[in-house]
Structure formats: structure tokens, C-alpha cells
């Protein structure tokens, strides 16, 4: 497989097509979806200041999420009550970019360890959620504050409304 970089440079400088017939782009691993971790100084309350963008990601099995900006104060950690035992737990800190592939259908919850109490939570719904119709028992079992639990409820309700 040839590298794409020379073609992209040529396309930018000469206005030629970026790809030619002898360049292969491997798409067999599925799609990637970027999630940024933001601190919004313009927010009027802490509950809106710290957030994942987007906080809800829908994937097909084999797709990936690319987490950006897990540095400084932001982290990404799986929530055990909202995590399939078939997938290894997640603990991302001090990384500018981490890609995670989701193979199994289900509903996966993640939080920022430092800002979860302000509702910095996100859901990844894979393969339509794998038949999950409620996460209330899982949320009740979580050791988390009311804001964080409500953030997961709201995200799950949004995922159901988008179906």
C-alpha cells in the first residue's frame, strides 16, 4: 500500500485529485467518530462547562470512537454498571488522542473522573443498543451524584428518541 501523504500534498499544491487508482484506503475496520472533551468558559453553570462533544454517539459494531484531549483535567473512564463484561474497562488520562473500537452491541457509559459530578458523561450506543430498553437499574447501582445519574438518564432517553 502506498502512502497517501504525497498525493495529498500534490493535490493541495497542484489542484490534482488526491487519490489515484494505485492508492488503497483501508475502510474494512469501520468508521471512526471523534469525541472532544471540552471546557466551555462561556457556560453559565458548571453543569454546562465540562462536557463531551458529542455526548451521545451511535455506532455499528466494528466502528470506533476517537477521544481527543484527555489531558490535564479531563479523563475518560468506563462506568462499570453501564459497560459490557465482554469489553475491557477504559481508563484514559493524559493522552491527546485515543481510538477505541466497539465490537459488541450494547450501551456503554463513560465519564470524566474529575467532572462527572457536573454531568460530564457520555453514552456510546452500539448496534441499536443490543436490545437494552432501560438503564435505570444500572444507574441506581452507580456510586455517583444526582447530576451525573441524570445526565445518563437524559442521554439514554435521547438515544431512544433517535431510534
Protein backbone atom coordinates (compact mmCIF):
# COMPACT_ATOMS: atom_id res chain seq x y z
CA UNK A 1 0.00 0.00 0.00
CA UNK A 2 1.40 3.40 -0.93
CA UNK A 3 1.32 6.32 1.40
CA UNK A 4 -1.35 8.94 0.84
CA UNK A 5 0.68 11.94 2.03
CA UNK A 6 2.49 12.68 -1.28
CA UNK A 7 -0.84 12.58 -3.10
CA UNK A 8 -2.43 14.97 -0.62
CA UNK A 9 0.47 17.39 -0.89
CA UNK A 10 0.26 17.21 -4.68
CA UNK A 11 -3.47 17.80 -4.56
CA UNK A 12 -3.07 20.82 -2.31
CA UNK A 13 -0.31 22.38 -4.40
CA UNK A 14 -1.40 21.46 -7.89
CA UNK A 15 -5.14 21.00 -7.58
CA UNK A 16 -4.88 17.41 -8.80
CA UNK A 17 -7.02 14.57 -7.46
CA UNK A 18 -5.83 13.39 -4.05
CA UNK A 19 -6.10 9.69 -4.85
CA UNK A 20 -5.24 7.59 -7.85
CA UNK A 21 -6.05 4.03 -8.78
CA UNK A 22 -2.88 2.62 -7.18
CA UNK A 23 -3.58 4.07 -3.71
CA UNK A 24 -5.56 1.89 -1.31
CA UNK A 25 -7.52 3.31 1.62
CA UNK A 26 -8.43 0.55 4.09
CA UNK A 27 -12.03 1.08 5.29
CA UNK A 28 -12.56 -2.50 6.47
CA UNK A 29 -12.31 -1.56 10.15
CA UNK A 30 -15.45 0.57 10.11
CA UNK A 31 -15.99 4.25 10.79
CA UNK A 32 -14.36 6.49 13.38
CA UNK A 33 -16.28 9.13 15.32
CA UNK A 34 -14.45 11.94 17.12
CA UNK A 35 -15.38 12.96 20.65
CA UNK A 36 -13.83 16.09 22.11
CA UNK A 37 -13.58 16.86 25.80
CA UNK A 38 -14.38 20.50 26.33
CA UNK A 39 -14.22 23.15 28.99
CA UNK A 40 -16.52 25.98 27.96
CA UNK A 41 -15.65 29.17 29.87
CA UNK A 42 -18.78 30.84 28.43
CA UNK A 43 -21.11 28.38 30.19
CA UNK A 44 -23.32 29.89 32.86
CA UNK A 45 -23.01 26.89 35.22
CA UNK A 46 -20.54 24.09 35.92
CA UNK A 47 -23.08 21.58 34.59
CA UNK A 48 -22.63 23.02 31.10
CA UNK A 49 -18.99 23.99 31.38
CA UNK A 50 -17.47 20.49 31.28
CA UNK A 51 -18.69 18.14 28.58
CA UNK A 52 -18.07 15.55 25.91
CA UNK A 53 -18.86 16.73 22.40
CA UNK A 54 -20.91 14.92 21.27
CA UNK A 55 -22.19 13.28 24.47
CA UNK A 56 -24.10 10.58 22.56
CA UNK A 57 -22.51 8.52 19.80
CA UNK A 58 -24.31 5.83 17.80
CA UNK A 59 -22.10 3.16 16.21
CA UNK A 60 -22.34 0.00 14.22
CA UNK A 61 -20.33 -2.96 15.55
CA UNK A 62 -16.71 -2.52 14.47
CA UNK A 63 -16.86 1.29 14.47
CA UNK A 64 -14.54 3.31 16.68
CA UNK A 65 -14.60 6.40 18.84
CA UNK A 66 -11.57 8.67 18.83
CA UNK A 67 -11.24 10.56 22.11
CA UNK A 68 -9.42 13.87 21.81
CA UNK A 69 -7.87 15.96 24.59
CA UNK A 70 -7.73 13.51 27.51
CA UNK A 71 -5.16 15.70 29.17
CA UNK A 72 -4.88 17.87 32.18
CA UNK A 73 -8.18 17.80 33.96
CA UNK A 74 -10.23 15.67 31.55
CA UNK A 75 -10.28 11.87 31.58
CA UNK A 76 -12.41 9.10 30.06
CA UNK A 77 -13.40 6.21 32.31
CA UNK A 78 -15.91 3.44 31.72
CA UNK A 79 -18.81 3.20 34.15
CA UNK A 80 -18.89 -0.44 35.33
CA UNK A 81 -22.69 -0.52 35.64
CA UNK A 82 -23.03 0.67 32.03
CA UNK A 83 -20.29 -1.45 30.49
CA UNK A 84 -20.32 -4.88 28.87
CA UNK A 85 -18.19 -7.51 30.60
CA UNK A 86 -17.10 -8.57 27.10
CA UNK A 87 -15.16 -5.31 26.68
CA UNK A 88 -12.13 -4.27 28.72
CA UNK A 89 -12.73 -1.29 31.02
CA UNK A 90 -11.49 2.11 29.85
CA UNK A 91 -9.18 4.45 31.74
CA UNK A 92 -7.76 7.25 29.58
CA UNK A 93 -5.70 10.06 31.09
CA UNK A 94 -3.03 12.38 29.69
CA UNK A 95 -3.46 11.33 26.07
CA UNK A 96 -4.06 13.74 23.19
CA UNK A 97 -5.76 11.02 21.07
CA UNK A 98 -7.05 7.51 21.82
CA UNK A 99 -9.10 5.32 19.49
CA UNK A 100 -11.44 2.66 20.88
CA UNK A 101 -13.23 0.13 18.73
CA UNK A 102 -16.63 -1.23 19.83
CA UNK A 103 -17.38 -4.72 18.51
CA UNK A 104 -20.37 -5.80 20.62
CA UNK A 105 -23.85 -4.24 20.51
CA UNK A 106 -24.87 -2.55 23.73
CA UNK A 107 -24.98 0.69 25.70
CA UNK A 108 -21.64 1.91 27.05
CA UNK A 109 -21.34 4.69 29.63
CA UNK A 110 -18.28 6.84 30.18
CA UNK A 111 -17.47 9.77 32.44
CA UNK A 112 -14.74 12.22 33.25
CA UNK A 113 -13.49 11.27 36.72
CA UNK A 114 -12.96 14.87 37.74
CA UNK A 115 -16.07 16.43 36.15
CA UNK A 116 -18.59 13.58 36.29
CA UNK A 117 -20.17 15.24 39.31
CA UNK A 118 -21.10 18.13 36.99
CA UNK A 119 -22.70 15.78 34.49
CA UNK A 120 -19.69 15.23 32.20
CA UNK A 121 -20.95 11.88 30.95
CA UNK A 122 -21.47 10.23 27.60
CA UNK A 123 -23.10 7.18 26.08
CA UNK A 124 -21.99 5.07 23.15
CA UNK A 125 -24.85 3.04 21.68
CA UNK A 126 -23.61 0.20 19.50
CA UNK A 127 -25.81 -1.73 17.10
CA UNK A 128 -29.03 -0.09 18.23
CA UNK A 129 -28.19 -0.77 21.87
CA UNK A 130 -28.25 -4.55 21.67
CA UNK A 131 -31.83 -4.75 22.91
CA UNK A 132 -31.29 -2.58 26.01
CA UNK A 133 -34.59 -0.83 26.77
CA UNK A 134 -33.82 0.56 30.23
CA UNK A 135 -30.70 1.53 32.17
CA UNK A 136 -32.49 2.61 35.35
CA UNK A 137 -31.32 -0.40 37.42
CA UNK A 138 -27.74 0.25 36.28
CA UNK A 139 -28.00 3.93 37.16
CA UNK A 140 -29.46 3.11 40.58
CA UNK A 141 -26.47 0.85 41.28
CA UNK A 142 -23.94 3.56 40.34
CA UNK A 143 -21.94 5.36 43.01
CA UNK A 144 -22.47 8.81 41.52
CA UNK A 145 -24.18 12.08 42.27
CA UNK A 146 -27.63 13.10 41.10
CA UNK A 147 -26.32 15.31 38.25
CA UNK A 148 -24.26 12.50 36.77
CA UNK A 149 -27.07 9.97 37.06
CA UNK A 150 -29.48 12.43 35.45
CA UNK A 151 -27.01 13.05 32.61
CA UNK A 152 -27.04 9.32 31.82
CA UNK A 153 -30.85 9.20 32.02
CA UNK A 154 -31.13 12.15 29.63
CA UNK A 155 -28.64 10.66 27.17
CA UNK A 156 -30.41 7.31 27.17
CA UNK A 157 -33.79 8.97 26.64
CA UNK A 158 -32.28 10.87 23.72
CA UNK A 159 -30.89 7.65 22.25
CA UNK A 160 -34.35 6.05 22.41
CA UNK A 161 -35.97 9.11 20.81
CA UNK A 162 -33.49 8.95 17.92
CA UNK A 163 -34.32 5.31 17.16
